[in-house]
Amino acid sequence: MTKGEIKIVIADDHPIVRQGLVAIIGKAPDLLVVGEASDGPAALGLIQRLRPDIALIDIGMPGLDGFAVARKIIEQQIPVALIFLTAHREEALFEEAMEIGAKGYVLKESVTSEIVNGIRAVAAGQHYVSPALTGYLVRRGQRRNTDASATGLNDLTSTEQRILKLIAQYKTSKEIADELNISYHTVVTHRRNISEKLNISGSHALMKFALAHLSELP
């Protein structure tokens, strides 16, 4: 990797935290901080303008908190992977972050030793959670498996599950076809098969189902 391959925006209202993150990340030859923000609105503006690969977002920020920023990013379909930074260990906050679509969740108490590995993991398409919170991740996985069995999601193929997730991201059939490098008619067939397996019908039923069960999709 070369310097700047992974571009990062940091959003935290504590200057010392931001400075520390910049110093740590700056030592990694494959990472580059392209912007810093001290509140939610500034963070959203930077992400909209700079389109980084990764956004490190503090959950508790003035103006807009980290979750509000993340929801706006997702609504606007900005292609950035989110890593939340937090000083809190509450499982409810972790669950909310995962429901929103976070790819990473890092405790500030261990950020100096974890953040570079976390960024690289997320940039590679993986999830990263501070090791101290892996129990939360295990319990979440168990709940998702149970929910998936109950809703019929386990009956879908991996491709069908991926298409359902893209539907929940408001992608059209044409956009899904382009992203998966398959034909438009193949996507239409998949949508029909998914609806039949889930026993749902109606023009917007598949979208409603996908949105309701987004957190259960891989």
N, C-alpha and C. Protein backbone atom coordinates (compact mmCIF):
# COMPACT_ATOMS: atom_id res chain seq x y z
N MET A 1 0.83 -1.19 0.00
CA MET A 1 0.00 0.00 0.00
C MET A 1 0.87 1.25 0.00
N THR A 2 0.34 2.33 -0.58
CA THR A 2 1.06 3.58 -0.59
C THR A 2 0.35 4.60 0.28
N LYS A 3 1.07 5.63 0.65
CA LYS A 3 0.51 6.66 1.51
C LYS A 3 -0.75 7.25 0.89
N GLY A 4 -1.81 7.33 1.69
CA GLY A 4 -3.04 7.94 1.22
C GLY A 4 -4.01 6.99 0.55
N GLU A 5 -3.72 5.71 0.53
CA GLU A 5 -4.64 4.78 -0.13
C GLU A 5 -5.99 4.73 0.59
N ILE A 6 -5.96 4.82 1.91
CA ILE A 6 -7.19 4.83 2.71
C ILE A 6 -7.35 6.24 3.28
N LYS A 7 -8.37 6.95 2.82
CA LYS A 7 -8.59 8.33 3.24
C LYS A 7 -9.60 8.38 4.38
N ILE A 8 -9.31 9.20 5.38
CA ILE A 8 -10.06 9.18 6.64
C ILE A 8 -10.47 10.58 7.06
N VAL A 9 -11.71 10.71 7.55
CA VAL A 9 -12.17 11.92 8.22
C VAL A 9 -12.37 11.58 9.69
N ILE A 10 -11.90 12.46 10.58
CA ILE A 10 -12.04 12.26 12.02
C ILE A 10 -13.00 13.30 12.57
N ALA A 11 -13.99 12.85 13.34
CA ALA A 11 -14.95 13.77 13.95
C ALA A 11 -15.04 13.50 15.45
N ASP A 12 -14.56 14.45 16.24
CA ASP A 12 -14.59 14.34 17.70
C ASP A 12 -14.51 15.75 18.28
N ASP A 13 -15.31 16.03 19.30
CA ASP A 13 -15.33 17.39 19.83
C ASP A 13 -14.21 17.68 20.81
N HIS A 14 -13.36 16.70 21.09
CA HIS A 14 -12.22 16.91 21.98
C HIS A 14 -10.94 17.06 21.15
N PRO A 15 -10.33 18.25 21.15
CA PRO A 15 -9.13 18.49 20.33
C PRO A 15 -7.99 17.51 20.63
N ILE A 16 -7.83 17.16 21.91
CA ILE A 16 -6.72 16.26 22.27
C ILE A 16 -6.93 14.89 21.66
N VAL A 17 -8.18 14.43 21.64
CA VAL A 17 -8.49 13.13 21.04
C VAL A 17 -8.19 13.18 19.54
N ARG A 18 -8.63 14.24 18.88
CA ARG A 18 -8.38 14.35 17.44
C ARG A 18 -6.88 14.40 17.14
N GLN A 19 -6.16 15.19 17.92
CA GLN A 19 -4.71 15.30 17.71
C GLN A 19 -4.03 13.95 17.91
N GLY A 20 -4.47 13.21 18.92
CA GLY A 20 -3.89 11.90 19.17
C GLY A 20 -4.15 10.93 18.03
N LEU A 21 -5.38 10.96 17.51
CA LEU A 21 -5.73 10.09 16.39
C LEU A 21 -4.92 10.45 15.14
N VAL A 22 -4.80 11.73 14.87
CA VAL A 22 -4.02 12.17 13.71
C VAL A 22 -2.58 11.70 13.82
N ALA A 23 -2.01 11.81 15.03
CA ALA A 23 -0.62 11.40 15.24
C ALA A 23 -0.44 9.90 15.03
N ILE A 24 -1.37 9.11 15.56
CA ILE A 24 -1.28 7.65 15.44
C ILE A 24 -1.46 7.22 13.98
N ILE A 25 -2.52 7.73 13.36
CA ILE A 25 -2.81 7.36 11.98
C ILE A 25 -1.72 7.84 11.03
N GLY A 26 -1.14 8.99 11.35
CA GLY A 26 -0.10 9.55 10.49
C GLY A 26 1.14 8.69 10.39
N LYS A 27 1.35 7.81 11.35
CA LYS A 27 2.51 6.92 11.33
C LYS A 27 2.31 5.72 10.40
N ALA A 28 1.07 5.48 9.99
CA ALA A 28 0.79 4.34 9.12
C ALA A 28 0.95 4.76 7.66
N PRO A 29 1.79 4.10 6.89
CA PRO A 29 2.07 4.53 5.52
C PRO A 29 0.90 4.40 4.56
N ASP A 30 -0.10 3.61 4.92
CA ASP A 30 -1.23 3.38 4.02
C ASP A 30 -2.47 4.19 4.38
N LEU A 31 -2.37 5.05 5.40
CA LEU A 31 -3.52 5.82 5.87
C LEU A 31 -3.27 7.31 5.75
N LEU A 32 -4.33 8.08 5.48
CA LEU A 32 -4.19 9.52 5.35
C LEU A 32 -5.44 10.22 5.90
N VAL A 33 -5.24 11.09 6.88
CA VAL A 33 -6.33 11.90 7.41
C VAL A 33 -6.54 13.08 6.47
N VAL A 34 -7.74 13.18 5.89
CA VAL A 34 -8.01 14.25 4.93
C VAL A 34 -8.88 15.36 5.52
N GLY A 35 -9.41 15.17 6.73
CA GLY A 35 -10.24 16.20 7.33
C GLY A 35 -10.53 15.91 8.78
N GLU A 36 -10.76 17.00 9.55
CA GLU A 36 -11.10 16.89 10.96
C GLU A 36 -12.31 17.77 11.25
N ALA A 37 -13.17 17.31 12.14
CA ALA A 37 -14.35 18.09 12.53
C ALA A 37 -14.55 17.99 14.04
N SER A 38 -15.11 19.07 14.62
CA SER A 38 -15.31 19.12 16.06
C SER A 38 -16.79 19.02 16.45
N ASP A 39 -17.69 18.96 15.46
CA ASP A 39 -19.11 18.79 15.78
C ASP A 39 -19.80 18.04 14.64
N GLY A 40 -21.06 17.68 14.87
CA GLY A 40 -21.78 16.87 13.90
C GLY A 40 -22.00 17.53 12.55
N PRO A 41 -22.51 18.77 12.50
CA PRO A 41 -22.71 19.41 11.20
C PRO A 41 -21.43 19.55 10.39
N ALA A 42 -20.32 19.90 11.07
CA ALA A 42 -19.04 20.02 10.35
C ALA A 42 -18.60 18.66 9.82
N ALA A 43 -18.82 17.61 10.62
CA ALA A 43 -18.44 16.26 10.18
C ALA A 43 -19.22 15.86 8.94
N LEU A 44 -20.52 16.11 8.96
CA LEU A 44 -21.36 15.76 7.81
C LEU A 44 -20.91 16.52 6.57
N GLY A 45 -20.61 17.81 6.73
CA GLY A 45 -20.16 18.61 5.60
C GLY A 45 -18.86 18.11 5.01
N LEU A 46 -17.91 17.73 5.87
CA LEU A 46 -16.64 17.21 5.39
C LEU A 46 -16.82 15.90 4.63
N ILE A 47 -17.65 15.02 5.18
CA ILE A 47 -17.87 13.72 4.53
C ILE A 47 -18.56 13.89 3.19
N GLN A 48 -19.53 14.81 3.13
CA GLN A 48 -20.21 15.08 1.87
C GLN A 48 -19.24 15.61 0.81
N ARG A 49 -18.32 16.47 1.25
CA ARG A 49 -17.42 17.13 0.30
C ARG A 49 -16.22 16.28 -0.07
N LEU A 50 -15.62 15.60 0.91
CA LEU A 50 -14.36 14.89 0.68
C LEU A 50 -14.54 13.43 0.27
N ARG A 51 -15.70 12.85 0.59
CA ARG A 51 -15.97 11.44 0.26
C ARG A 51 -14.80 10.52 0.69
N PRO A 52 -14.50 10.49 1.98
CA PRO A 52 -13.40 9.62 2.44
C PRO A 52 -13.80 8.15 2.36
N ASP A 53 -12.82 7.29 2.53
CA ASP A 53 -13.11 5.85 2.59
C ASP A 53 -13.68 5.47 3.95
N ILE A 54 -13.15 6.12 4.99
CA ILE A 54 -13.52 5.82 6.38
C ILE A 54 -13.86 7.12 7.11
N ALA A 55 -14.89 7.07 7.95
CA ALA A 55 -15.20 8.19 8.84
C ALA A 55 -15.15 7.68 10.28
N LEU A 56 -14.26 8.26 11.07
CA LEU A 56 -14.19 7.96 12.50
C LEU A 56 -15.06 8.99 13.21
N ILE A 57 -16.14 8.54 13.82
CA ILE A 57 -17.14 9.46 14.36
C ILE A 57 -17.36 9.20 15.85
N ASP A 58 -17.18 10.24 16.65
CA ASP A 58 -17.51 10.16 18.06
C ASP A 58 -19.03 10.12 18.21
N ILE A 59 -19.54 9.26 19.06
CA ILE A 59 -20.98 9.17 19.23
C ILE A 59 -21.55 10.45 19.84
N GLY A 60 -20.87 10.99 20.86
CA GLY A 60 -21.37 12.18 21.53
C GLY A 60 -20.73 13.45 21.01
N MET A 61 -21.41 14.15 20.08
CA MET A 61 -20.89 15.41 19.55
C MET A 61 -21.98 16.46 19.57
N PRO A 62 -21.61 17.74 19.67
CA PRO A 62 -22.62 18.81 19.64
C PRO A 62 -23.17 19.01 18.24
N GLY A 63 -24.34 19.64 18.18
CA GLY A 63 -24.97 19.90 16.88
C GLY A 63 -25.76 18.71 16.38
N LEU A 64 -25.06 17.69 15.97
CA LEU A 64 -25.63 16.39 15.62
C LEU A 64 -24.76 15.34 16.29
N ASP A 65 -25.37 14.37 16.96
CA ASP A 65 -24.52 13.32 17.54
C ASP A 65 -24.07 12.37 16.43
N GLY A 66 -23.18 11.47 16.79
CA GLY A 66 -22.62 10.57 15.79
C GLY A 66 -23.65 9.73 15.08
N PHE A 67 -24.67 9.28 15.80
CA PHE A 67 -25.72 8.47 15.19
C PHE A 67 -26.52 9.29 14.16
N ALA A 68 -26.81 10.55 14.50
CA ALA A 68 -27.55 11.40 13.57
C ALA A 68 -26.75 11.66 12.30
N VAL A 69 -25.45 11.87 12.46
CA VAL A 69 -24.58 12.06 11.29
C VAL A 69 -24.60 10.81 10.42
N ALA A 70 -24.48 9.65 11.07
CA ALA A 70 -24.47 8.39 10.33
C ALA A 70 -25.76 8.18 9.55
N ARG A 71 -26.88 8.47 10.17
CA ARG A 71 -28.17 8.28 9.49
C ARG A 71 -28.29 9.19 8.26
N LYS A 72 -27.80 10.40 8.36
CA LYS A 72 -27.84 11.31 7.21
C LYS A 72 -26.93 10.81 6.09
N ILE A 73 -25.77 10.28 6.46
CA ILE A 73 -24.84 9.74 5.47
C ILE A 73 -25.50 8.59 4.70
N ILE A 74 -26.19 7.71 5.45
CA ILE A 74 -26.84 6.56 4.83
C ILE A 74 -28.01 7.01 3.96
N GLU A 75 -28.80 7.98 4.46
CA GLU A 75 -29.92 8.50 3.67
C GLU A 75 -29.45 9.08 2.34
N GLN A 76 -28.29 9.73 2.38
CA GLN A 76 -27.75 10.36 1.18
C GLN A 76 -26.91 9.40 0.34
N GLN A 77 -26.81 8.15 0.80
CA GLN A 77 -26.10 7.09 0.08
C GLN A 77 -24.65 7.49 -0.23
N ILE A 78 -24.00 8.09 0.76
CA ILE A 78 -22.59 8.44 0.61
C ILE A 78 -21.76 7.18 0.90
N PRO A 79 -20.92 6.76 -0.01
CA PRO A 79 -20.18 5.49 0.16
C PRO A 79 -18.97 5.63 1.09
N VAL A 80 -19.24 5.70 2.38
CA VAL A 80 -18.17 5.80 3.38
C VAL A 80 -18.43 4.77 4.47
N ALA A 81 -17.39 4.10 4.92
CA ALA A 81 -17.53 3.13 6.01
C ALA A 81 -17.39 3.85 7.34
N LEU A 82 -18.28 3.53 8.27
CA LEU A 82 -18.36 4.25 9.54
C LEU A 82 -17.73 3.44 10.68
N ILE A 83 -16.87 4.12 11.43
CA ILE A 83 -16.32 3.55 12.66
C ILE A 83 -16.69 4.50 13.79
N PHE A 84 -17.45 4.01 14.76
CA PHE A 84 -17.83 4.85 15.89
C PHE A 84 -16.76 4.77 16.99
N LEU A 85 -16.49 5.93 17.57
CA LEU A 85 -15.60 6.03 18.72
C LEU A 85 -16.45 6.36 19.94
N THR A 86 -16.20 5.71 21.06
CA THR A 86 -17.02 5.97 22.24
C THR A 86 -16.26 5.67 23.53
N ALA A 87 -16.64 6.39 24.57
CA ALA A 87 -16.10 6.12 25.90
C ALA A 87 -17.04 5.23 26.69
N HIS A 88 -18.17 4.89 26.08
CA HIS A 88 -19.22 4.15 26.80
C HIS A 88 -19.26 2.68 26.39
N ARG A 89 -19.56 1.83 27.38
CA ARG A 89 -19.62 0.39 27.14
C ARG A 89 -21.05 -0.14 27.08
N GLU A 90 -22.04 0.72 27.14
CA GLU A 90 -23.43 0.26 27.17
C GLU A 90 -23.75 -0.56 25.92
N GLU A 91 -24.31 -1.73 26.14
CA GLU A 91 -24.64 -2.61 25.02
C GLU A 91 -25.73 -2.00 24.13
N ALA A 92 -26.61 -1.18 24.73
CA ALA A 92 -27.67 -0.55 23.94
C ALA A 92 -27.07 0.39 22.89
N LEU A 93 -26.01 1.11 23.24
CA LEU A 93 -25.36 1.99 22.27
C LEU A 93 -24.70 1.18 21.16
N PHE A 94 -24.06 0.09 21.54
CA PHE A 94 -23.45 -0.79 20.56
C PHE A 94 -24.50 -1.32 19.59
N GLU A 95 -25.64 -1.75 20.12
CA GLU A 95 -26.71 -2.28 19.27
C GLU A 95 -27.21 -1.21 18.30
N GLU A 96 -27.37 0.02 18.80
CA GLU A 96 -27.85 1.09 17.93
C GLU A 96 -26.85 1.36 16.81
N ALA A 97 -25.56 1.34 17.16
CA ALA A 97 -24.53 1.57 16.14
C ALA A 97 -24.59 0.49 15.07
N MET A 98 -24.75 -0.75 15.47
CA MET A 98 -24.81 -1.84 14.50
C MET A 98 -26.07 -1.77 13.65
N GLU A 99 -27.18 -1.37 14.28
CA GLU A 99 -28.44 -1.25 13.54
C GLU A 99 -28.32 -0.19 12.46
N ILE A 100 -27.63 0.89 12.77
CA ILE A 100 -27.44 1.97 11.81
C ILE A 100 -26.60 1.51 10.62
N GLY A 101 -25.67 0.62 10.88
CA GLY A 101 -24.82 0.13 9.80
C GLY A 101 -23.35 0.38 10.00
N ALA A 102 -22.93 0.58 11.25
CA ALA A 102 -21.52 0.80 11.54
C ALA A 102 -20.69 -0.42 11.15
N LYS A 103 -19.50 -0.17 10.62
CA LYS A 103 -18.56 -1.24 10.30
C LYS A 103 -17.54 -1.43 11.43
N GLY A 104 -17.41 -0.41 12.28
CA GLY A 104 -16.46 -0.52 13.38
C GLY A 104 -16.98 0.16 14.63
N TYR A 105 -16.51 -0.30 15.79
CA TYR A 105 -16.94 0.25 17.08
C TYR A 105 -15.75 0.12 18.03
N VAL A 106 -15.14 1.26 18.34
CA VAL A 106 -13.88 1.24 19.08
C VAL A 106 -13.99 2.07 20.37
N LEU A 107 -13.60 1.47 21.48
CA LEU A 107 -13.59 2.17 22.75
C LEU A 107 -12.42 3.15 22.79
N LYS A 108 -12.68 4.35 23.30
CA LYS A 108 -11.62 5.35 23.35
C LYS A 108 -10.48 4.94 24.27
N GLU A 109 -10.80 4.15 25.28
CA GLU A 109 -9.76 3.75 26.23
C GLU A 109 -8.69 2.88 25.57
N SER A 110 -9.04 2.27 24.45
CA SER A 110 -8.07 1.40 23.77
C SER A 110 -7.80 1.84 22.35
N VAL A 111 -8.18 3.09 22.03
CA VAL A 111 -8.09 3.54 20.64
C VAL A 111 -6.64 3.58 20.14
N THR A 112 -5.69 3.92 21.01
CA THR A 112 -4.30 4.04 20.55
C THR A 112 -3.74 2.72 20.05
N SER A 113 -4.18 1.62 20.64
CA SER A 113 -3.65 0.33 20.25
C SER A 113 -4.48 -0.37 19.19
N GLU A 114 -5.71 0.12 18.95
CA GLU A 114 -6.63 -0.59 18.07
C GLU A 114 -6.98 0.12 16.77
N ILE A 115 -6.87 1.44 16.75
CA ILE A 115 -7.49 2.18 15.66
C ILE A 115 -6.92 1.86 14.29
N VAL A 116 -5.60 1.69 14.19
CA VAL A 116 -5.01 1.41 12.87
C VAL A 116 -5.49 0.06 12.35
N ASN A 117 -5.47 -0.96 13.21
CA ASN A 117 -5.95 -2.27 12.79
C ASN A 117 -7.44 -2.23 12.46
N GLY A 118 -8.19 -1.44 13.24
CA GLY A 118 -9.61 -1.31 12.98
C GLY A 118 -9.90 -0.68 11.63
N ILE A 119 -9.17 0.38 11.31
CA ILE A 119 -9.35 1.05 10.02
C ILE A 119 -9.01 0.11 8.88
N ARG A 120 -7.90 -0.59 9.00
CA ARG A 120 -7.50 -1.51 7.92
C ARG A 120 -8.51 -2.63 7.75
N ALA A 121 -9.04 -3.15 8.85
CA ALA A 121 -10.03 -4.22 8.76
C ALA A 121 -11.29 -3.73 8.05
N VAL A 122 -11.78 -2.57 8.45
CA VAL A 122 -13.00 -2.02 7.85
C VAL A 122 -12.78 -1.68 6.38
N ALA A 123 -11.62 -1.12 6.06
CA ALA A 123 -11.30 -0.80 4.67
C ALA A 123 -11.26 -2.05 3.80
N ALA A 124 -10.95 -3.19 4.43
CA ALA A 124 -10.89 -4.46 3.70
C ALA A 124 -12.26 -5.14 3.62
N GLY A 125 -13.30 -4.46 4.12
CA GLY A 125 -14.64 -5.01 4.04
C GLY A 125 -15.09 -5.82 5.24
N GLN A 126 -14.28 -5.80 6.30
CA GLN A 126 -14.61 -6.55 7.50
C GLN A 126 -15.23 -5.63 8.55
N HIS A 127 -15.77 -6.23 9.61
CA HIS A 127 -16.21 -5.47 10.77
C HIS A 127 -15.10 -5.49 11.82
N TYR A 128 -15.04 -4.42 12.62
CA TYR A 128 -14.06 -4.40 13.71
C TYR A 128 -14.74 -3.86 14.96
N VAL A 129 -14.62 -4.62 16.04
CA VAL A 129 -15.16 -4.23 17.34
C VAL A 129 -14.07 -4.40 18.38
N SER A 130 -13.94 -3.44 19.27
CA SER A 130 -12.94 -3.56 20.33
C SER A 130 -13.06 -4.92 21.00
N PRO A 131 -11.93 -5.62 21.18
CA PRO A 131 -11.98 -6.96 21.78
C PRO A 131 -12.74 -7.02 23.10
N ALA A 132 -12.73 -5.93 23.86
CA ALA A 132 -13.43 -5.92 25.15
C ALA A 132 -14.94 -6.06 24.98
N LEU A 133 -15.43 -5.83 23.76
CA LEU A 133 -16.87 -5.88 23.50
C LEU A 133 -17.28 -7.05 22.61
N THR A 134 -16.41 -8.01 22.42
CA THR A 134 -16.73 -9.12 21.52
C THR A 134 -17.93 -9.92 22.00
N GLY A 135 -18.19 -9.92 23.31
CA GLY A 135 -19.37 -10.61 23.84
C GLY A 135 -20.64 -10.03 23.28
N TYR A 136 -20.67 -8.71 23.08
CA TYR A 136 -21.84 -8.06 22.49
C TYR A 136 -22.04 -8.58 21.07
N LEU A 137 -20.93 -8.72 20.34
CA LEU A 137 -20.99 -9.16 18.95
C LEU A 137 -21.51 -10.59 18.85
N VAL A 138 -21.06 -11.45 19.77
CA VAL A 138 -21.50 -12.84 19.78
C VAL A 138 -23.00 -12.92 20.05
N ARG A 139 -23.46 -12.19 21.05
CA ARG A 139 -24.89 -12.20 21.38
C ARG A 139 -25.73 -11.65 20.22
N ARG A 140 -25.20 -10.63 19.57
CA ARG A 140 -25.92 -10.06 18.42
C ARG A 140 -26.04 -11.10 17.31
N GLY A 141 -24.96 -11.83 17.05
CA GLY A 141 -24.99 -12.86 16.02
C GLY A 141 -25.99 -13.95 16.34
N GLN A 142 -26.07 -14.32 17.60
CA GLN A 142 -27.02 -15.36 18.01
C GLN A 142 -28.46 -14.89 17.80
N ARG A 143 -28.72 -13.62 18.15
CA ARG A 143 -30.07 -13.08 17.97
C ARG A 143 -30.43 -13.00 16.49
N ARG A 144 -29.47 -12.60 15.67
CA ARG A 144 -29.72 -12.48 14.24
C ARG A 144 -30.03 -13.83 13.61
N ASN A 145 -29.32 -14.87 14.05
CA ASN A 145 -29.59 -16.21 13.52
C ASN A 145 -30.99 -16.68 13.87
N THR A 146 -31.40 -16.38 15.11
CA THR A 146 -32.75 -16.75 15.54
C THR A 146 -33.79 -15.98 14.74
N ASP A 147 -33.56 -14.67 14.58
CA ASP A 147 -34.51 -13.84 13.84
C ASP A 147 -34.59 -14.27 12.38
N ALA A 148 -33.43 -14.59 11.80
CA ALA A 148 -33.40 -14.98 10.38
C ALA A 148 -34.18 -16.27 10.15
N SER A 149 -34.09 -17.18 11.10
CA SER A 149 -34.85 -18.44 10.96
C SER A 149 -36.34 -18.17 11.03
N ALA A 150 -36.74 -17.26 11.93
CA ALA A 150 -38.15 -16.98 12.12
C ALA A 150 -38.76 -16.25 10.92
N THR A 151 -37.99 -15.39 10.28
CA THR A 151 -38.53 -14.58 9.17
C THR A 151 -38.40 -15.26 7.82
N GLY A 152 -37.61 -16.32 7.72
CA GLY A 152 -37.42 -16.98 6.44
C GLY A 152 -36.17 -16.52 5.71
N LEU A 153 -35.41 -15.62 6.30
CA LEU A 153 -34.20 -15.12 5.63
C LEU A 153 -33.19 -16.24 5.39
N ASN A 154 -33.18 -17.23 6.26
CA ASN A 154 -32.23 -18.33 6.09
C ASN A 154 -32.54 -19.17 4.86
N ASP A 155 -33.75 -19.01 4.32
CA ASP A 155 -34.12 -19.77 3.12
C ASP A 155 -33.59 -19.11 1.85
N LEU A 156 -33.10 -17.89 1.97
CA LEU A 156 -32.59 -17.18 0.80
C LEU A 156 -31.14 -17.55 0.52
N THR A 157 -30.77 -17.55 -0.74
CA THR A 157 -29.36 -17.76 -1.10
C THR A 157 -28.56 -16.52 -0.73
N SER A 158 -27.24 -16.65 -0.76
CA SER A 158 -26.39 -15.50 -0.42
C SER A 158 -26.61 -14.34 -1.40
N THR A 159 -26.83 -14.67 -2.67
CA THR A 159 -27.11 -13.62 -3.67
C THR A 159 -28.43 -12.94 -3.39
N GLU A 160 -29.45 -13.72 -3.04
CA GLU A 160 -30.76 -13.15 -2.73
C GLU A 160 -30.69 -12.25 -1.49
N GLN A 161 -29.91 -12.67 -0.49
CA GLN A 161 -29.75 -11.85 0.71
C GLN A 161 -29.03 -10.54 0.37
N ARG A 162 -28.06 -10.64 -0.51
CA ARG A 162 -27.33 -9.43 -0.91
C ARG A 162 -28.25 -8.47 -1.67
N ILE A 163 -29.07 -9.00 -2.55
CA ILE A 163 -30.01 -8.17 -3.30
C ILE A 163 -31.02 -7.53 -2.35
N LEU A 164 -31.48 -8.28 -1.37
CA LEU A 164 -32.43 -7.73 -0.40
C LEU A 164 -31.79 -6.57 0.38
N LYS A 165 -30.52 -6.72 0.70
CA LYS A 165 -29.82 -5.65 1.41
C LYS A 165 -29.68 -4.41 0.52
N LEU A 166 -29.42 -4.61 -0.75
CA LEU A 166 -29.32 -3.48 -1.68
C LEU A 166 -30.67 -2.81 -1.86
N ILE A 167 -31.73 -3.59 -1.83
CA ILE A 167 -33.08 -3.02 -1.91
C ILE A 167 -33.33 -2.11 -0.71
N ALA A 168 -32.86 -2.55 0.47
CA ALA A 168 -33.02 -1.74 1.68
C ALA A 168 -32.20 -0.46 1.62
N GLN A 169 -31.22 -0.42 0.73
CA GLN A 169 -30.42 0.78 0.54
C GLN A 169 -30.98 1.65 -0.59
N TYR A 170 -32.23 1.37 -0.94
CA TYR A 170 -32.97 2.15 -1.95
C TYR A 170 -32.36 2.05 -3.35
N LYS A 171 -31.70 0.95 -3.63
CA LYS A 171 -31.15 0.73 -4.97
C LYS A 171 -32.26 0.25 -5.91
N THR A 172 -32.25 0.75 -7.12
CA THR A 172 -33.19 0.27 -8.13
C THR A 172 -32.69 -1.05 -8.69
N SER A 173 -33.55 -1.75 -9.42
CA SER A 173 -33.13 -3.01 -10.04
C SER A 173 -31.98 -2.78 -11.01
N LYS A 174 -32.02 -1.67 -11.73
CA LYS A 174 -30.92 -1.34 -12.65
C LYS A 174 -29.62 -1.11 -11.90
N GLU A 175 -29.67 -0.39 -10.79
CA GLU A 175 -28.47 -0.13 -9.99
C GLU A 175 -27.93 -1.43 -9.38
N ILE A 176 -28.84 -2.30 -8.94
CA ILE A 176 -28.41 -3.59 -8.38
C ILE A 176 -27.74 -4.43 -9.46
N ALA A 177 -28.31 -4.43 -10.64
CA ALA A 177 -27.72 -5.18 -11.76
C ALA A 177 -26.31 -4.68 -12.06
N ASP A 178 -26.14 -3.37 -12.08
CA ASP A 178 -24.82 -2.81 -12.36
C ASP A 178 -23.83 -3.16 -11.25
N GLU A 179 -24.27 -3.09 -10.00
CA GLU A 179 -23.37 -3.35 -8.88
C GLU A 179 -22.94 -4.82 -8.82
N LEU A 180 -23.86 -5.72 -9.14
CA LEU A 180 -23.56 -7.15 -9.07
C LEU A 180 -23.07 -7.72 -10.40
N ASN A 181 -23.04 -6.86 -11.40
CA ASN A 181 -22.58 -7.27 -12.74
C ASN A 181 -23.43 -8.41 -13.30
N ILE A 182 -24.74 -8.26 -13.15
CA ILE A 182 -25.68 -9.22 -13.71
C ILE A 182 -26.72 -8.44 -14.52
N SER A 183 -27.57 -9.13 -15.25
CA SER A 183 -28.54 -8.43 -16.08
C SER A 183 -29.72 -7.92 -15.26
N TYR A 184 -30.38 -6.93 -15.80
CA TYR A 184 -31.58 -6.37 -15.17
C TYR A 184 -32.64 -7.47 -14.99
N HIS A 185 -32.82 -8.29 -15.99
CA HIS A 185 -33.84 -9.34 -15.93
C HIS A 185 -33.51 -10.38 -14.87
N THR A 186 -32.21 -10.61 -14.64
CA THR A 186 -31.81 -11.55 -13.57
C THR A 186 -32.20 -10.99 -12.21
N VAL A 187 -32.03 -9.69 -12.03
CA VAL A 187 -32.42 -9.05 -10.77
C VAL A 187 -33.93 -9.16 -10.57
N VAL A 188 -34.69 -8.92 -11.63
CA VAL A 188 -36.15 -9.04 -11.55
C VAL A 188 -36.55 -10.45 -11.14
N THR A 189 -35.87 -11.45 -11.72
CA THR A 189 -36.15 -12.84 -11.36
C THR A 189 -35.83 -13.10 -9.90
N HIS A 190 -34.68 -12.59 -9.44
CA HIS A 190 -34.31 -12.76 -8.03
C HIS A 190 -35.35 -12.12 -7.11
N ARG A 191 -35.80 -10.94 -7.46
CA ARG A 191 -36.79 -10.24 -6.64
C ARG A 191 -38.08 -11.07 -6.53
N ARG A 192 -38.49 -11.65 -7.64
CA ARG A 192 -39.69 -12.48 -7.65
C ARG A 192 -39.49 -13.72 -6.77
N ASN A 193 -38.32 -14.35 -6.89
CA ASN A 193 -38.03 -15.55 -6.08
C ASN A 193 -37.97 -15.22 -4.59
N ILE A 194 -37.39 -14.07 -4.27
CA ILE A 194 -37.30 -13.65 -2.86
C ILE A 194 -38.71 -13.47 -2.30
N SER A 195 -39.56 -12.78 -3.05
CA SER A 195 -40.93 -12.54 -2.59
C SER A 195 -41.68 -13.84 -2.37
N GLU A 196 -41.47 -14.79 -3.28
CA GLU A 196 -42.15 -16.08 -3.15
C GLU A 196 -41.66 -16.84 -1.91
N LYS A 197 -40.33 -16.83 -1.69
CA LYS A 197 -39.79 -17.54 -0.52
C LYS A 197 -40.25 -16.91 0.79
N LEU A 198 -40.39 -15.59 0.80
CA LEU A 198 -40.79 -14.89 2.02
C LEU A 198 -42.31 -14.77 2.14
N ASN A 199 -43.01 -15.21 1.08
CA ASN A 199 -44.47 -15.18 1.07
C ASN A 199 -45.00 -13.76 1.26
N ILE A 200 -44.43 -12.83 0.50
CA ILE A 200 -44.91 -11.45 0.56
C ILE A 200 -45.27 -11.00 -0.86
N SER A 201 -46.20 -10.05 -0.95
CA SER A 201 -46.63 -9.56 -2.26
C SER A 201 -47.01 -8.09 -2.15
N GLY A 202 -47.08 -7.43 -3.27
CA GLY A 202 -47.40 -6.01 -3.27
C GLY A 202 -46.24 -5.20 -3.81
N SER A 203 -46.56 -4.03 -4.38
CA SER A 203 -45.53 -3.24 -5.07
C SER A 203 -44.41 -2.77 -4.15
N HIS A 204 -44.73 -2.48 -2.89
CA HIS A 204 -43.71 -1.97 -1.97
C HIS A 204 -43.41 -2.93 -0.82
N ALA A 205 -43.98 -4.13 -0.88
CA ALA A 205 -43.83 -5.07 0.23
C ALA A 205 -42.38 -5.50 0.42
N LEU A 206 -41.67 -5.72 -0.68
CA LEU A 206 -40.29 -6.18 -0.58
C LEU A 206 -39.41 -5.10 0.03
N MET A 207 -39.62 -3.86 -0.36
CA MET A 207 -38.86 -2.75 0.23
C MET A 207 -39.13 -2.64 1.72
N LYS A 208 -40.40 -2.71 2.11
CA LYS A 208 -40.76 -2.61 3.53
C LYS A 208 -40.12 -3.74 4.34
N PHE A 209 -40.16 -4.95 3.78
CA PHE A 209 -39.55 -6.09 4.47
C PHE A 209 -38.04 -5.89 4.60
N ALA A 210 -37.41 -5.48 3.51
CA ALA A 210 -35.95 -5.29 3.52
C ALA A 210 -35.54 -4.25 4.55
N LEU A 211 -36.27 -3.15 4.64
CA LEU A 211 -35.95 -2.10 5.62
C LEU A 211 -36.17 -2.60 7.03
N ALA A 212 -37.23 -3.36 7.25
CA ALA A 212 -37.55 -3.85 8.59
C ALA A 212 -36.53 -4.86 9.09
N HIS A 213 -35.88 -5.58 8.15
CA HIS A 213 -34.97 -6.67 8.55
C HIS A 213 -33.52 -6.42 8.10
N LEU A 214 -33.20 -5.14 7.83
CA LEU A 214 -31.85 -4.82 7.36
C LEU A 214 -30.77 -5.29 8.32
N SER A 215 -31.01 -5.13 9.61
CA SER A 215 -29.98 -5.50 10.59
C SER A 215 -29.73 -7.00 10.65
N GLU A 216 -30.63 -7.80 10.08
CA GLU A 216 -30.48 -9.26 10.10
C GLU A 216 -29.75 -9.79 8.87
N LEU A 217 -29.51 -8.89 7.92
CA LEU A 217 -28.85 -9.32 6.68
C LEU A 217 -27.34 -9.23 6.81
N PRO A 218 -26.62 -10.18 6.22
CA PRO A 218 -25.14 -10.19 6.34
C PRO A 218 -24.52 -9.05 5.54
